[in-house]
Amino acid sequence: QLVESGGGLVQPGGALRLSCAASGFNLSASAMSWVRQAPGKGLERVSVINRAGSTWLSDSVKGRFIISRDNAKNTLYLQMNSLKPEDTAVYYCVLIETSLRGQGTQVTVSS
C-alpha cells in the first residue's frame, strides 16, 4: 500500500514536501517514481529513484525537485522548490515493478 501526503495550496515560488508511506514491501529494495496528472492531461513521470539510490528528474522539474527516501521509515519523498503554476496537479507515488500507486495528493500553485 502507498499513502501520499503533503500536498496543498502554495504561492508561486513556494515549496512543498510530499511524502509517500509504503507498507507491505521494502521501499529501499524497489524502484519508485513520482508521477503527476494536471487537470485535463495525462500522467507525467517527474522523478524516479532506483534500488541503488540513483535518481532521475524530468526536464520540467530538474533543478527544482528532489526525490529521496528514508529507508528506516519506509517512506519516499519529493521536495518541490520554486513551484510554478504549471506544477499544479495530483501527485502519485508509484511502485514501478507493479504500477501500484496511492490515492494521490493535490498540489495547487496559485497566487
Protein backbone atom coordinates (compact mmCIF):
# COMPACT_ATOMS: atom_id res chain seq x y z
CA GLN A 1 0.00 0.00 0.00
CA LEU A 2 1.12 3.54 -0.74
CA VAL A 3 -0.25 6.62 1.01
CA GLU A 4 0.72 10.10 -0.20
CA SER A 5 0.52 13.26 1.88
CA GLY A 6 1.87 16.78 1.99
CA GLY A 7 0.01 18.45 -0.84
CA GLY A 8 -1.77 21.76 -0.56
CA LEU A 9 -2.12 25.29 -1.88
CA VAL A 10 1.10 27.27 -2.26
CA GLN A 11 2.04 30.53 -3.94
CA PRO A 12 4.35 30.58 -6.96
CA GLY A 13 7.94 30.34 -5.81
CA GLY A 14 6.96 28.40 -2.72
CA ALA A 15 7.88 24.90 -1.62
CA LEU A 16 6.21 21.71 -0.51
CA ARG A 17 7.45 18.28 0.53
CA LEU A 18 5.37 15.29 -0.46
CA SER A 19 5.60 12.04 1.45
CA CYS A 20 4.66 8.52 0.38
CA ALA A 21 4.41 5.96 3.17
CA ALA A 22 4.85 2.40 1.93
CA SER A 23 3.62 -0.75 3.61
CA GLY A 24 3.72 -4.40 2.65
CA PHE A 25 7.04 -4.19 0.85
CA ASN A 26 10.56 -2.87 1.31
CA LEU A 27 10.74 0.51 -0.38
CA SER A 28 14.55 0.55 -0.35
CA ALA A 29 14.60 -2.60 -2.49
CA SER A 30 12.26 -1.13 -5.08
CA ALA A 31 12.39 1.35 -7.91
CA MET A 32 9.91 4.11 -7.18
CA SER A 33 8.63 7.10 -9.08
CA TRP A 34 6.55 10.20 -8.64
CA VAL A 35 4.06 10.93 -11.39
CA ARG A 36 1.54 13.74 -11.71
CA GLN A 37 -1.65 14.44 -13.56
CA ALA A 38 -2.63 18.00 -14.32
CA PRO A 39 -6.28 18.88 -14.97
CA GLY A 40 -7.32 17.55 -18.36
CA LYS A 41 -3.94 15.97 -19.06
CA GLY A 42 -2.37 12.53 -18.92
CA LEU A 43 0.07 11.14 -16.41
CA GLU A 44 3.56 12.64 -16.45
CA ARG A 45 6.51 10.94 -14.76
CA VAL A 46 8.56 13.59 -12.95
CA SER A 47 11.09 11.63 -10.89
CA VAL A 48 12.50 8.15 -10.31
CA ILE A 49 14.75 6.60 -7.68
CA ASN A 50 16.11 3.12 -8.24
CA ARG A 51 17.17 0.46 -5.78
CA ALA A 52 20.74 1.73 -5.77
CA GLY A 53 19.56 5.23 -4.93
CA SER A 54 20.25 6.77 -8.31
CA THR A 55 17.74 9.41 -9.29
CA TRP A 56 16.24 10.88 -12.42
CA LEU A 57 14.24 14.05 -12.88
CA SER A 58 12.26 15.20 -15.87
CA ASP A 59 13.41 18.36 -17.61
CA SER A 60 10.30 20.15 -16.39
CA VAL A 61 11.35 19.81 -12.73
CA LYS A 62 15.12 19.40 -12.91
CA GLY A 63 16.89 21.81 -10.57
CA ARG A 64 13.71 22.40 -8.55
CA PHE A 65 12.56 18.98 -7.28
CA ILE A 66 14.46 16.37 -5.28
CA ILE A 67 13.43 12.76 -4.81
CA SER A 68 14.67 10.88 -1.76
CA ARG A 69 13.73 8.08 0.59
CA ASP A 70 14.08 7.23 4.25
CA ASN A 71 14.67 3.51 4.47
CA ALA A 72 14.09 3.38 8.22
CA LYS A 73 10.67 4.96 7.78
CA ASN A 74 9.94 3.12 4.51
CA THR A 75 8.90 6.48 3.08
CA LEU A 76 9.52 8.20 -0.24
CA TYR A 77 9.72 11.98 -0.52
CA LEU A 78 9.51 14.65 -3.18
CA GLN A 79 10.89 18.03 -2.18
CA MET A 80 9.43 20.62 -4.52
CA ASN A 81 11.00 24.08 -4.61
CA SER A 82 10.42 27.15 -6.75
CA LEU A 83 6.95 25.92 -7.58
CA LYS A 84 5.20 27.20 -10.68
CA PRO A 85 1.51 27.30 -11.60
CA GLU A 86 2.19 24.60 -14.20
CA ASP A 87 3.19 22.24 -11.36
CA THR A 88 -0.46 22.15 -10.31
CA ALA A 89 -1.54 18.51 -10.43
CA VAL A 90 -2.42 15.45 -8.43
CA TYR A 91 0.83 13.75 -7.46
CA TYR A 92 1.13 10.00 -7.07
CA CYS A 93 3.94 7.75 -5.92
CA VAL A 94 4.30 4.55 -7.90
CA LEU A 95 5.96 1.21 -7.30
CA ILE A 96 7.40 0.77 -10.78
CA GLU A 97 7.57 -3.03 -10.74
CA THR A 98 3.83 -3.46 -10.28
CA SER A 99 2.47 0.01 -11.19
CA LEU A 100 0.91 0.15 -7.72
CA ARG A 101 0.13 3.73 -6.82
CA GLY A 102 -1.50 5.59 -3.99
CA GLN A 103 -4.61 7.77 -3.91
CA GLY A 104 -2.63 10.88 -4.77
CA THR A 105 -2.21 14.26 -3.16
CA GLN A 106 -3.34 17.55 -4.72
CA VAL A 107 -0.79 20.30 -5.28
CA THR A 108 -2.11 23.69 -6.33
CA VAL A 109 0.25 26.54 -7.15
CA SER A 110 -1.60 29.81 -7.33
CA SER A 111 -1.46 33.36 -6.08
